[in-house]
């Protein structure tokens, strides 16, 4: 996406796209009968079920083991699949080469649509081209806002990670922070890098970047602890995911540090931590909505030829801040595993 022109219109247009898509979805799915339940769940789906022919859609992400963020994405996808009479095939791998192979598997199965994340877009360029050659529509979600159009995806659902990071940095300024360490749990993930770069751009204090192995939580804990012991001037830990933020709280305690913790993304335990004050705030990108819209968009395309955002603009699902002032409003949804 060209991020250099008309930033206000870029951020407003996707909201209109979401509203229009929601209206079309309600209009096209008002039947209360017909359509089999998706094989992978759908307990949170609405009562209305599509009577359109059964579709098969693959959702392929870069989820790492133990990252609860993706459980929320999947629930949203399952809800849309159940409503739209879609068989949802979910697979994931944090290794970009393996993720590419999973996309190829979906192509070989002749699915009706593919939704993918682009944490490492260059590794997926070839296989996305193969999907297009096979006339399989591909949409993106969560990671890849800067690259989805370059790779020829139809639509994208997520947040602008650079804008999100910049908003985070401004929030740190408002809270009087002076020195933060931004913890990246997956080296090479463009979205995570953009978050830290955004923080660094707007935060008036000092920003350090710390790389940790996100697949090994004991290692994450010890690495953050060592950093805090090494530099007592750090007064904020910036985490890029809920599980890592909760681990950072333990690191702060182990290090005897006075640093506070804030993060990107939510889960049930994270909202509880915000309520208790052990986490200061979180940036919510609404992963449930990302999964839901990605799958629903493929149904809309097949059955009504729709493009959310007109195929030109992404549909933005964040960022929004959650802190003590509003956490109770979202905690009940987090308890259901949908926020």
Foldseek 3Di string as FASTA:
>chain_A
DPCPPDVPCQQPQLVVLVVVLVVVVCVQFVAQDAADQAPVDQPPADSTAHNDDEFEEEEEEADAPPFLLVVQLVNLLNNLCRRHNYHYHYDHHNDLLVSLVVLVVVVVVVGQEYEYAPQPVVSNLVSLVVCVVSVRAYEYEAHDQVCCVVSPHQAYEWADLLVQLLVVLVVCVVVVFAEEEEEDQDPSRVSSVSNQVSNVVNHPHYYHYHYFNNNDLVRLLVRLLVVCLVDQSHAEYEYAGQVSQVSNLVSCVVNVHNHAYEYEDDALVSLVCLLVPNHAKYWHQQSSVRSNCRNNVSSCCVPPVDGRSNSPHHNGSDTDMDHNVCSVVCNVVNVVVND
